[in-house]
Amino acid sequence: YRMTVLRNLPSLQKLDNQAVTEEELSQALVDGVEITAPPA
């Protein structure tokens, strides 16, 4: 969940009251799911 959010919103500085790190942003490119279309 966290990796998917950060992959799509890499400019976030804080997610769910927890600071975002550079390591997480790098990992999100591998473990996160890119969202390219609106929900059905």
Full PDB file with SEQRES, HELIX, SHEET, SSBOND, CRYST1, ORIGX, SCALE, CONECT and MASTER records, all heavy atoms in Angstrom:
SEQRES   1 A   40  TYR ARG MET THR VAL LEU ARG ASN LEU PRO SER LEU GLN          
SEQRES   2 A   40  LYS LEU ASP ASN GLN ALA VAL THR GLU GLU GLU LEU SER          
SEQRES   3 A   40  GLN ALA LEU VAL ASP GLY VAL GLU ILE THR ALA PRO PRO          
SEQRES   4 A   40  ALA                                                          
HELIX    1 AA1 ARG A    2  ASN A    8  1                                   7    
HELIX    2 AA2 GLU A   22  ASP A   31  1                                  10    
SHEET    1 AA1 2 LYS A  14  LEU A  15  0                                        
SHEET    2 AA1 2 GLN A  18  ALA A  19 -1                                        
CRYST1    1.000    1.000    1.000  90.00  90.00  90.00 P 1           1          
ORIGX1      1.000000  0.000000  0.000000        0.00000                         
ORIGX2      0.000000  1.000000  0.000000        0.00000                         
ORIGX3      0.000000  0.000000  1.000000        0.00000                         
SCALE1      1.000000  0.000000  0.000000        0.00000                         
SCALE2      0.000000  1.000000  0.000000        0.00000                         
SCALE3      0.000000  0.000000  1.000000        0.00000                         
ATOM      1  N   TYR A   1       0.836  -1.209   0.000  1.00  0.00           N  
ATOM      2  CA  TYR A   1       0.000   0.000   0.000  1.00  0.00           C  
ATOM      3  C   TYR A   1       0.871   1.260   0.000  1.00  0.00           C  
ATOM      4  O   TYR A   1       0.701   2.158  -0.828  1.00  0.00           O  
ATOM      5  CB  TYR A   1      -0.915  -0.019   1.223  1.00  0.00           C  
ATOM      6  CG  TYR A   1      -1.288   1.351   1.748  1.00  0.00           C  
ATOM      7  CD1 TYR A   1      -2.163   2.170   1.042  1.00  0.00           C  
ATOM      8  CD2 TYR A   1      -0.747   1.834   2.947  1.00  0.00           C  
ATOM      9  CE1 TYR A   1      -2.496   3.430   1.515  1.00  0.00           C  
ATOM     10  CE2 TYR A   1      -1.077   3.080   3.427  1.00  0.00           C  
ATOM     11  CZ  TYR A   1      -1.953   3.888   2.709  1.00  0.00           C  
ATOM     12  OH  TYR A   1      -2.270   5.131   3.179  1.00  0.00           O  
ATOM     13  N   ARG A   2       1.837   1.316   0.910  1.00  0.00           N  
ATOM     14  CA  ARG A   2       2.678   2.515   1.021  1.00  0.00           C  
ATOM     15  C   ARG A   2       3.520   2.711  -0.234  1.00  0.00           C  
ATOM     16  O   ARG A   2       3.674   3.835  -0.726  1.00  0.00           O  
ATOM     17  CB  ARG A   2       3.568   2.413   2.261  1.00  0.00           C  
ATOM     18  CG  ARG A   2       4.324   3.702   2.580  1.00  0.00           C  
ATOM     19  CD  ARG A   2       5.046   3.609   3.911  1.00  0.00           C  
ATOM     20  NE  ARG A   2       5.828   4.798   4.178  1.00  0.00           N  
ATOM     21  CZ  ARG A   2       5.361   5.909   4.758  1.00  0.00           C  
ATOM     22  NH1 ARG A   2       4.102   5.963   5.133  1.00  0.00           N  
ATOM     23  NH2 ARG A   2       6.142   6.955   4.971  1.00  0.00           N  
ATOM     24  N   MET A   3       4.065   1.616  -0.780  1.00  0.00           N  
ATOM     25  CA  MET A   3       4.879   1.714  -1.982  1.00  0.00           C  
ATOM     26  C   MET A   3       4.062   2.206  -3.179  1.00  0.00           C  
ATOM     27  O   MET A   3       4.545   2.980  -4.004  1.00  0.00           O  
ATOM     28  CB  MET A   3       5.497   0.346  -2.302  1.00  0.00           C  
ATOM     29  CG  MET A   3       6.541  -0.132  -1.306  1.00  0.00           C  
ATOM     30  SD  MET A   3       8.034   0.936  -1.223  1.00  0.00           S  
ATOM     31  CE  MET A   3       7.677   1.932   0.233  1.00  0.00           C  
ATOM     32  N   THR A   4       2.810   1.762  -3.274  1.00  0.00           N  
ATOM     33  CA  THR A   4       1.957   2.188  -4.386  1.00  0.00           C  
ATOM     34  C   THR A   4       1.617   3.666  -4.275  1.00  0.00           C  
ATOM     35  O   THR A   4       1.644   4.406  -5.271  1.00  0.00           O  
ATOM     36  CB  THR A   4       0.664   1.345  -4.425  1.00  0.00           C  
ATOM     37  OG1 THR A   4       1.001  -0.016  -4.721  1.00  0.00           O  
ATOM     38  CG2 THR A   4      -0.290   1.856  -5.500  1.00  0.00           C  
ATOM     39  N   VAL A   5       1.319   4.122  -3.075  1.00  0.00           N  
ATOM     40  CA  VAL A   5       1.028   5.547  -2.886  1.00  0.00           C  
ATOM     41  C   VAL A   5       2.241   6.386  -3.256  1.00  0.00           C  
ATOM     42  O   VAL A   5       2.135   7.377  -3.990  1.00  0.00           O  
ATOM     43  CB  VAL A   5       0.604   5.834  -1.432  1.00  0.00           C  
ATOM     44  CG1 VAL A   5       0.439   7.340  -1.229  1.00  0.00           C  
ATOM     45  CG2 VAL A   5      -0.702   5.122  -1.096  1.00  0.00           C  
ATOM     46  N   LEU A   6       3.430   5.984  -2.801  1.00  0.00           N  
ATOM     47  CA  LEU A   6       4.637   6.778  -3.056  1.00  0.00           C  
ATOM     48  C   LEU A   6       5.076   6.714  -4.510  1.00  0.00           C  
ATOM     49  O   LEU A   6       5.666   7.666  -5.023  1.00  0.00           O  
ATOM     50  CB  LEU A   6       5.770   6.301  -2.137  1.00  0.00           C  
ATOM     51  CG  LEU A   6       5.538   6.549  -0.643  1.00  0.00           C  
ATOM     52  CD1 LEU A   6       6.727   6.088   0.164  1.00  0.00           C  
ATOM     53  CD2 LEU A   6       5.231   8.024  -0.377  1.00  0.00           C  
ATOM     54  N   ARG A   7       4.800   5.602  -5.177  1.00  0.00           N  
ATOM     55  CA  ARG A   7       5.154   5.540  -6.597  1.00  0.00           C  
ATOM     56  C   ARG A   7       4.328   6.547  -7.402  1.00  0.00           C  
ATOM     57  O   ARG A   7       4.829   7.141  -8.366  1.00  0.00           O  
ATOM     58  CB  ARG A   7       4.925   4.135  -7.150  1.00  0.00           C  
ATOM     59  CG  ARG A   7       5.161   4.054  -8.653  1.00  0.00           C  
ATOM     60  CD  ARG A   7       5.372   2.670  -9.150  1.00  0.00           C  
ATOM     61  NE  ARG A   7       5.685   2.667 -10.574  1.00  0.00           N  
ATOM     62  CZ  ARG A   7       6.036   1.603 -11.260  1.00  0.00           C  
ATOM     63  NH1 ARG A   7       6.136   0.431 -10.643  1.00  0.00           N  
ATOM     64  NH2 ARG A   7       6.310   1.677 -12.544  1.00  0.00           N  
ATOM     65  N   ASN A   8       3.086   6.732  -7.015  1.00  0.00           N  
ATOM     66  CA  ASN A   8       2.207   7.622  -7.764  1.00  0.00           C  
ATOM     67  C   ASN A   8       2.249   9.057  -7.265  1.00  0.00           C  
ATOM     68  O   ASN A   8       1.915   9.982  -8.008  1.00  0.00           O  
ATOM     69  CB  ASN A   8       0.778   7.085  -7.705  1.00  0.00           C  
ATOM     70  CG  ASN A   8       0.608   5.804  -8.496  1.00  0.00           C  
ATOM     71  OD1 ASN A   8       0.435   5.826  -9.702  1.00  0.00           O  
ATOM     72  ND2 ASN A   8       0.685   4.674  -7.811  1.00  0.00           N  
ATOM     73  N   LEU A   9       2.677   9.255  -6.016  1.00  0.00           N  
ATOM     74  CA  LEU A   9       2.782  10.596  -5.447  1.00  0.00           C  
ATOM     75  C   LEU A   9       4.178  10.793  -4.856  1.00  0.00           C  
ATOM     76  O   LEU A   9       4.346  10.933  -3.642  1.00  0.00           O  
ATOM     77  CB  LEU A   9       1.714  10.792  -4.369  1.00  0.00           C  
ATOM     78  CG  LEU A   9       0.257  10.587  -4.805  1.00  0.00           C  
ATOM     79  CD1 LEU A   9      -0.675  10.691  -3.598  1.00  0.00           C  
ATOM     80  CD2 LEU A   9      -0.145  11.586  -5.885  1.00  0.00           C  
ATOM     81  N   PRO A  10       5.217  10.804  -5.709  1.00  0.00           N  
ATOM     82  CA  PRO A  10       6.600  10.868  -5.214  1.00  0.00           C  
ATOM     83  C   PRO A  10       6.974  12.195  -4.560  1.00  0.00           C  
ATOM     84  O   PRO A  10       8.031  12.287  -3.942  1.00  0.00           O  
ATOM     85  CB  PRO A  10       7.425  10.629  -6.482  1.00  0.00           C  
ATOM     86  CG  PRO A  10       6.550  11.104  -7.597  1.00  0.00           C  
ATOM     87  CD  PRO A  10       5.148  10.743  -7.179  1.00  0.00           C  
ATOM     88  N   SER A  11       6.126  13.202  -4.660  1.00  0.00           N  
ATOM     89  CA  SER A  11       6.438  14.495  -4.045  1.00  0.00           C  
ATOM     90  C   SER A  11       5.990  14.576  -2.594  1.00  0.00           C  
ATOM     91  O   SER A  11       6.249  15.585  -1.921  1.00  0.00           O  
ATOM     92  CB  SER A  11       5.771  15.628  -4.844  1.00  0.00           C  
ATOM     93  OG  SER A  11       6.315  15.709  -6.155  1.00  0.00           O  
ATOM     94  N   LEU A  12       5.329  13.528  -2.104  1.00  0.00           N  
ATOM     95  CA  LEU A  12       4.889  13.538  -0.715  1.00  0.00           C  
ATOM     96  C   LEU A  12       6.082  13.596   0.236  1.00  0.00           C  
ATOM     97  O   LEU A  12       7.086  12.921   0.027  1.00  0.00           O  
ATOM     98  CB  LEU A  12       4.057  12.291  -0.396  1.00  0.00           C  
ATOM     99  CG  LEU A  12       2.648  12.217  -0.970  1.00  0.00           C  
ATOM    100  CD1 LEU A  12       1.986  10.917  -0.525  1.00  0.00           C  
ATOM    101  CD2 LEU A  12       1.805  13.415  -0.546  1.00  0.00           C  
ATOM    102  N   GLN A  13       5.954  14.379   1.284  1.00  0.00           N  
ATOM    103  CA  GLN A  13       6.956  14.442   2.343  1.00  0.00           C  
ATOM    104  C   GLN A  13       6.517  13.665   3.577  1.00  0.00           C  
ATOM    105  O   GLN A  13       7.347  13.252   4.388  1.00  0.00           O  
ATOM    106  CB  GLN A  13       7.227  15.902   2.702  1.00  0.00           C  
ATOM    107  CG  GLN A  13       7.823  16.710   1.553  1.00  0.00           C  
ATOM    108  CD  GLN A  13       7.986  18.174   1.891  1.00  0.00           C  
ATOM    109  OE1 GLN A  13       7.588  18.627   2.973  1.00  0.00           O  
ATOM    110  NE2 GLN A  13       8.567  18.936   0.980  1.00  0.00           N  
ATOM    111  N   LYS A  14       5.205  13.468   3.704  1.00  0.00           N  
ATOM    112  CA  LYS A  14       4.672  12.712   4.836  1.00  0.00           C  
ATOM    113  C   LYS A  14       3.434  11.944   4.383  1.00  0.00           C  
ATOM    114  O   LYS A  14       2.540  12.512   3.763  1.00  0.00           O  
ATOM    115  CB  LYS A  14       4.348  13.644   5.998  1.00  0.00           C  
ATOM    116  CG  LYS A  14       3.878  12.930   7.258  1.00  0.00           C  
ATOM    117  CD  LYS A  14       3.604  13.901   8.398  1.00  0.00           C  
ATOM    118  CE  LYS A  14       4.894  14.507   8.940  1.00  0.00           C  
ATOM    119  NZ  LYS A  14       4.635  15.317  10.177  1.00  0.00           N  
ATOM    120  N   LEU A  15       3.403  10.652   4.700  1.00  0.00           N  
ATOM    121  CA  LEU A  15       2.261   9.800   4.387  1.00  0.00           C  
ATOM    122  C   LEU A  15       1.799   9.121   5.671  1.00  0.00           C  
ATOM    123  O   LEU A  15       2.588   8.449   6.334  1.00  0.00           O  
ATOM    124  CB  LEU A  15       2.638   8.749   3.338  1.00  0.00           C  
ATOM    125  CG  LEU A  15       1.585   7.672   3.046  1.00  0.00           C  
ATOM    126  CD1 LEU A  15       0.293   8.294   2.524  1.00  0.00           C  
ATOM    127  CD2 LEU A  15       2.132   6.652   2.036  1.00  0.00           C  
ATOM    128  N   ASP A  16       0.533   9.297   6.010  1.00  0.00           N  
ATOM    129  CA  ASP A  16      -0.041   8.690   7.222  1.00  0.00           C  
ATOM    130  C   ASP A  16       0.770   9.047   8.461  1.00  0.00           C  
ATOM    131  O   ASP A  16       1.110   8.186   9.271  1.00  0.00           O  
ATOM    132  CB  ASP A  16      -0.140   7.174   7.064  1.00  0.00           C  
ATOM    133  CG  ASP A  16      -1.093   6.791   5.942  1.00  0.00           C  
ATOM    134  OD1 ASP A  16      -1.941   7.620   5.574  1.00  0.00           O  
ATOM    135  OD2 ASP A  16      -0.980   5.666   5.425  1.00  0.00           O  
ATOM    136  N   ASN A  17       1.128  10.319   8.550  1.00  0.00           N  
ATOM    137  CA  ASN A  17       1.849  10.858   9.704  1.00  0.00           C  
ATOM    138  C   ASN A  17       3.249  10.267   9.858  1.00  0.00           C  
ATOM    139  O   ASN A  17       3.833  10.317  10.939  1.00  0.00           O  
ATOM    140  CB  ASN A  17       1.055  10.627  11.001  1.00  0.00           C  
ATOM    141  CG  ASN A  17       1.389  11.658  12.063  1.00  0.00           C  
ATOM    142  OD1 ASN A  17       1.698  12.810  11.768  1.00  0.00           O  
ATOM    143  ND2 ASN A  17       1.353  11.250  13.323  1.00  0.00           N  
ATOM    144  N   GLN A  18       3.801   9.710   8.784  1.00  0.00           N  
ATOM    145  CA  GLN A  18       5.155   9.162   8.806  1.00  0.00           C  
ATOM    146  C   GLN A  18       5.969   9.783   7.673  1.00  0.00           C  
ATOM    147  O   GLN A  18       5.527   9.790   6.516  1.00  0.00           O  
ATOM    148  CB  GLN A  18       5.116   7.646   8.635  1.00  0.00           C  
ATOM    149  CG  GLN A  18       6.488   6.991   8.685  1.00  0.00           C  
ATOM    150  CD  GLN A  18       6.408   5.488   8.549  1.00  0.00           C  
ATOM    151  OE1 GLN A  18       5.347   4.888   8.737  1.00  0.00           O  
ATOM    152  NE2 GLN A  18       7.526   4.867   8.211  1.00  0.00           N  
ATOM    153  N   ALA A  19       7.138  10.307   8.001  1.00  0.00           N  
ATOM    154  CA  ALA A  19       7.976  10.974   7.008  1.00  0.00           C  
ATOM    155  C   ALA A  19       8.390  10.011   5.898  1.00  0.00           C  
ATOM    156  O   ALA A  19       8.644   8.831   6.133  1.00  0.00           O  
ATOM    157  CB  ALA A  19       9.214  11.560   7.680  1.00  0.00           C  
ATOM    158  N   VAL A  20       8.454  10.531   4.689  1.00  0.00           N  
ATOM    159  CA  VAL A  20       8.861   9.749   3.523  1.00  0.00           C  
ATOM    160  C   VAL A  20      10.369   9.881   3.328  1.00  0.00           C  
ATOM    161  O   VAL A  20      10.914  10.986   3.370  1.00  0.00           O  
ATOM    162  CB  VAL A  20       8.123  10.240   2.262  1.00  0.00           C  
ATOM    163  CG1 VAL A  20       8.630   9.499   1.023  1.00  0.00           C  
ATOM    164  CG2 VAL A  20       6.618  10.060   2.416  1.00  0.00           C  
ATOM    165  N   THR A  21      11.049   8.759   3.113  1.00  0.00           N  
ATOM    166  CA  THR A  21      12.504   8.769   2.925  1.00  0.00           C  
ATOM    167  C   THR A  21      12.872   8.550   1.460  1.00  0.00           C  
ATOM    168  O   THR A  21      12.067   8.044   0.670  1.00  0.00           O  
ATOM    169  CB  THR A  21      13.165   7.667   3.773  1.00  0.00           C  
ATOM    170  OG1 THR A  21      12.755   6.375   3.270  1.00  0.00           O  
ATOM    171  CG2 THR A  21      12.750   7.782   5.236  1.00  0.00           C  
ATOM    172  N   GLU A  22      14.097   8.909   1.123  1.00  0.00           N  
ATOM    173  CA  GLU A  22      14.579   8.694  -0.240  1.00  0.00           C  
ATOM    174  C   GLU A  22      14.641   7.204  -0.564  1.00  0.00           C  
ATOM    175  O   GLU A  22      14.397   6.790  -1.696  1.00  0.00           O  
ATOM    176  CB  GLU A  22      15.962   9.330  -0.422  1.00  0.00           C  
ATOM    177  CG  GLU A  22      15.951  10.847  -0.436  1.00  0.00           C  
ATOM    178  CD  GLU A  22      17.302  11.414  -0.840  1.00  0.00           C  
ATOM    179  OE1 GLU A  22      18.170  10.618  -1.279  1.00  0.00           O  
ATOM    180  OE2 GLU A  22      17.500  12.625  -0.735  1.00  0.00           O  
ATOM    181  N   GLU A  23      14.993   6.397   0.448  1.00  0.00           N  
ATOM    182  CA  GLU A  23      15.050   4.953   0.232  1.00  0.00           C  
ATOM    183  C   GLU A  23      13.679   4.401  -0.129  1.00  0.00           C  
ATOM    184  O   GLU A  23      13.552   3.543  -1.014  1.00  0.00           O  
ATOM    185  CB  GLU A  23      15.571   4.249   1.488  1.00  0.00           C  
ATOM    186  CG  GLU A  23      17.051   4.483   1.784  1.00  0.00           C  
ATOM    187  CD  GLU A  23      17.327   5.821   2.440  1.00  0.00           C  
ATOM    188  OE1 GLU A  23      16.341   6.546   2.755  1.00  0.00           O  
ATOM    189  OE2 GLU A  23      18.507   6.158   2.662  1.00  0.00           O  
ATOM    190  N   GLU A  24      12.642   4.904   0.518  1.00  0.00           N  
ATOM    191  CA  GLU A  24      11.278   4.455   0.203  1.00  0.00           C  
ATOM    192  C   GLU A  24      10.885   4.849  -1.212  1.00  0.00           C  
ATOM    193  O   GLU A  24      10.253   4.060  -1.936  1.00  0.00           O  
ATOM    194  CB  GLU A  24      10.291   5.064   1.195  1.00  0.00           C  
ATOM    195  CG  GLU A  24      10.290   4.436   2.561  1.00  0.00           C  
ATOM    196  CD  GLU A  24       9.211   5.012   3.448  1.00  0.00           C  
ATOM    197  OE1 GLU A  24       9.141   6.257   3.572  1.00  0.00           O  
ATOM    198  OE2 GLU A  24       8.428   4.234   4.016  1.00  0.00           O  
ATOM    199  N   LEU A  25      11.256   6.037  -1.637  1.00  0.00           N  
ATOM    200  CA  LEU A  25      10.908   6.481  -2.984  1.00  0.00           C  
ATOM    201  C   LEU A  25      11.587   5.613  -4.036  1.00  0.00           C  
ATOM    202  O   LEU A  25      10.998   5.307  -5.078  1.00  0.00           O  
ATOM    203  CB  LEU A  25      11.301   7.950  -3.167  1.00  0.00           C  
ATOM    204  CG  LEU A  25      10.497   8.952  -2.330  1.00  0.00           C  
ATOM    205  CD1 LEU A  25      11.055  10.355  -2.510  1.00  0.00           C  
ATOM    206  CD2 LEU A  25       9.024   8.923  -2.722  1.00  0.00           C  
ATOM    207  N   SER A  26      12.816   5.198  -3.767  1.00  0.00           N  
ATOM    208  CA  SER A  26      13.521   4.307  -4.686  1.00  0.00           C  
ATOM    209  C   SER A  26      12.863   2.930  -4.696  1.00  0.00           C  
ATOM    210  O   SER A  26      12.657   2.335  -5.761  1.00  0.00           O  
ATOM    211  CB  SER A  26      14.994   4.183  -4.284  1.00  0.00           C  
ATOM    212  OG  SER A  26      15.644   5.435  -4.360  1.00  0.00           O  
ATOM    213  N   GLN A  27      12.534   2.415  -3.524  1.00  0.00           N  
ATOM    214  CA  GLN A  27      11.902   1.099  -3.429  1.00  0.00           C  
ATOM    215  C   GLN A  27      10.521   1.098  -4.068  1.00  0.00           C  
ATOM    216  O   GLN A  27      10.081   0.081  -4.622  1.00  0.00           O  
ATOM    217  CB  GLN A  27      11.790   0.688  -1.959  1.00  0.00           C  
ATOM    218  CG  GLN A  27      11.307  -0.743  -1.744  1.00  0.00           C  
ATOM    219  CD  GLN A  27      12.306  -1.772  -2.238  1.00  0.00           C  
ATOM    220  OE1 GLN A  27      13.514  -1.550  -2.153  1.00  0.00           O  
ATOM    221  NE2 GLN A  27      11.811  -2.868  -2.776  1.00  0.00           N  
ATOM    222  N   ALA A  28       9.837   2.219  -4.011  1.00  0.00           N  
ATOM    223  CA  ALA A  28       8.489   2.314  -4.578  1.00  0.00           C  
ATOM    224  C   ALA A  28       8.488   2.084  -6.083  1.00  0.00           C  
ATOM    225  O   ALA A  28       7.494   1.599  -6.641  1.00  0.00           O  
ATOM    226  CB  ALA A  28       7.884   3.682  -4.256  1.00  0.00           C  
ATOM    227  N   LEU A  29       9.595   2.403  -6.746  1.00  0.00           N  
ATOM    228  CA  LEU A  29       9.679   2.178  -8.190  1.00  0.00           C  
ATOM    229  C   LEU A  29       9.665   0.690  -8.525  1.00  0.00           C  
ATOM    230  O   LEU A  29       9.320   0.302  -9.638  1.00  0.00           O  
ATOM    231  CB  LEU A  29      10.958   2.819  -8.748  1.00  0.00           C  
ATOM    232  CG  LEU A  29      11.025   4.340  -8.643  1.00  0.00           C  
ATOM    233  CD1 LEU A  29      12.390   4.838  -9.097  1.00  0.00           C  
ATOM    234  CD2 LEU A  29       9.921   4.985  -9.472  1.00  0.00           C  
ATOM    235  N   VAL A  30      10.027  -0.142  -7.554  1.00  0.00           N  
ATOM    236  CA  VAL A  30      10.056  -1.595  -7.756  1.00  0.00           C  
ATOM    237  C   VAL A  30       8.808  -2.264  -7.199  1.00  0.00           C  
ATOM    238  O   VAL A  30       8.160  -3.071  -7.861  1.00  0.00           O  
ATOM    239  CB  VAL A  30      11.313  -2.208  -7.106  1.00  0.00           C  
ATOM    240  CG1 VAL A  30      11.312  -3.730  -7.269  1.00  0.00           C  
ATOM    241  CG2 VAL A  30      12.578  -1.609  -7.701  1.00  0.00           C  
ATOM    242  N   ASP A  31       8.437  -1.899  -5.975  1.00  0.00           N  
ATOM    243  CA  ASP A  31       7.352  -2.600  -5.280  1.00  0.00           C  
ATOM    244  C   ASP A  31       5.983  -1.953  -5.453  1.00  0.00           C  
ATOM    245  O   ASP A  31       4.965  -2.588  -5.175  1.00  0.00           O  
ATOM    246  CB  ASP A  31       7.663  -2.677  -3.780  1.00  0.00           C  
ATOM    247  CG  ASP A  31       8.869  -3.559  -3.490  1.00  0.00           C  
ATOM    248  OD1 ASP A  31       9.295  -4.294  -4.401  1.00  0.00           O  
ATOM    249  OD2 ASP A  31       9.390  -3.520  -2.363  1.00  0.00           O  
ATOM    250  N   GLY A  32       5.943  -0.718  -5.886  1.00  0.00           N  
ATOM    251  CA  GLY A  32       4.657  -0.030  -6.032  1.00  0.00           C  
ATOM    252  C   GLY A  32       4.010  -0.294  -7.380  1.00  0.00           C  
ATOM    253  O   GLY A  32       4.665  -0.663  -8.341  1.00  0.00           O  
ATOM    254  N   VAL A  33       2.702  -0.104  -7.444  1.00  0.00           N  
ATOM    255  CA  VAL A  33       1.931  -0.272  -8.673  1.00  0.00           C  
ATOM    256  C   VAL A  33       1.616   1.100  -9.255  1.00  0.00           C  
ATOM    257  O   VAL A  33       1.060   1.956  -8.558  1.00  0.00           O  
ATOM    258  CB  VAL A  33       0.615  -1.035  -8.410  1.00  0.00           C  
ATOM    259  CG1 VAL A  33      -0.211  -1.137  -9.682  1.00  0.00           C  
ATOM    260  CG2 VAL A  33       0.909  -2.426  -7.861  1.00  0.00           C  
ATOM    261  N   GLU A  34       1.978   1.323 -10.502  1.00  0.00           N  
ATOM    262  CA  GLU A  34       1.698   2.607 -11.132  1.00  0.00           C  
ATOM    263  C   GLU A  34       0.236   2.674 -11.565  1.00  0.00           C  
ATOM    264  O   GLU A  34      -0.275   1.761 -12.206  1.00  0.00           O  
ATOM    265  CB  GLU A  34       2.612   2.831 -12.335  1.00  0.00           C  
ATOM    266  CG  GLU A  34       2.414   4.202 -12.966  1.00  0.00           C  
ATOM    267  CD  GLU A  34       3.406   4.473 -14.075  1.00  0.00           C  
ATOM    268  OE1 GLU A  34       4.161   3.557 -14.447  1.00  0.00           O  
ATOM    269  OE2 GLU A  34       3.414   5.615 -14.577  1.00  0.00           O  
ATOM    270  N   ILE A  35      -0.411   3.753 -11.222  1.00  0.00           N  
ATOM    271  CA  ILE A  35      -1.822   3.947 -11.561  1.00  0.00           C  
ATOM    272  C   ILE A  35      -1.907   4.917 -12.728  1.00  0.00           C  
ATOM    273  O   ILE A  35      -1.479   6.067 -12.626  1.00  0.00           O  
ATOM    274  CB  ILE A  35      -2.595   4.477 -10.349  1.00  0.00           C  
ATOM    275  CG1 ILE A  35      -2.583   3.428  -9.231  1.00  0.00           C  
ATOM    276  CG2 ILE A  35      -4.037   4.820 -10.719  1.00  0.00           C  
ATOM    277  CD1 ILE A  35      -3.092   3.934  -7.903  1.00  0.00           C  
ATOM    278  N   THR A  36      -2.450   4.447 -13.837  1.00  0.00           N  
ATOM    279  CA  THR A  36      -2.466   5.247 -15.064  1.00  0.00           C  
ATOM    280  C   THR A  36      -3.868   5.579 -15.547  1.00  0.00           C  
ATOM    281  O   THR A  36      -4.024   6.250 -16.568  1.00  0.00           O  
ATOM    282  CB  THR A  36      -1.729   4.503 -16.188  1.00  0.00           C  
ATOM    283  OG1 THR A  36      -2.365   3.228 -16.410  1.00  0.00           O  
ATOM    284  CG2 THR A  36      -0.268   4.262 -15.817  1.00  0.00           C  
ATOM    285  N   ALA A  37      -4.890   5.122 -14.839  1.00  0.00           N  
ATOM    286  CA  ALA A  37      -6.268   5.370 -15.267  1.00  0.00           C  
ATOM    287  C   ALA A  37      -7.150   5.570 -14.044  1.00  0.00           C  
ATOM    288  O   ALA A  37      -6.862   5.055 -12.963  1.00  0.00           O  
ATOM    289  CB  ALA A  37      -6.778   4.198 -16.097  1.00  0.00           C  
ATOM    290  N   PRO A  38      -8.238   6.325 -14.194  1.00  0.00           N  
ATOM    291  CA  PRO A  38      -9.148   6.524 -13.068  1.00  0.00           C  
ATOM    292  C   PRO A  38      -9.883   5.240 -12.730  1.00  0.00           C  
ATOM    293  O   PRO A  38      -9.959   4.317 -13.553  1.00  0.00           O  
ATOM    294  CB  PRO A  38     -10.119   7.595 -13.587  1.00  0.00           C  
ATOM    295  CG  PRO A  38     -10.087   7.428 -15.073  1.00  0.00           C  
ATOM    296  CD  PRO A  38      -8.685   7.033 -15.413  1.00  0.00           C  
ATOM    297  N   PRO A  39     -10.421   5.145 -11.525  1.00  0.00           N  
ATOM    298  CA  PRO A  39     -11.115   3.918 -11.116  1.00  0.00           C  
ATOM    299  C   PRO A  39     -12.437   3.743 -11.847  1.00  0.00           C  
ATOM    300  O   PRO A  39     -13.082   4.718 -12.232  1.00  0.00           O  
ATOM    301  CB  PRO A  39     -11.351   4.136  -9.614  1.00  0.00           C  
ATOM    302  CG  PRO A  39     -11.389   5.625  -9.462  1.00  0.00           C  
ATOM    303  CD  PRO A  39     -10.410   6.159 -10.457  1.00  0.00           C  
ATOM    304  N   ALA A  40     -12.808   2.480 -12.041  1.00  0.00           N  
ATOM    305  CA  ALA A  40     -14.115   2.184 -12.606  1.00  0.00           C  
ATOM    306  C   ALA A  40     -15.150   2.405 -11.518  1.00  0.00           C  
ATOM    307  O   ALA A  40     -14.989   1.947 -10.390  1.00  0.00           O  
ATOM    308  CB  ALA A  40     -14.159   0.739 -13.104  1.00  0.00           C  
TER     309      ALA A  40                                                      
MASTER        0    0    0    2    2    0    0    6  308    1    0    4          
END                                                                             
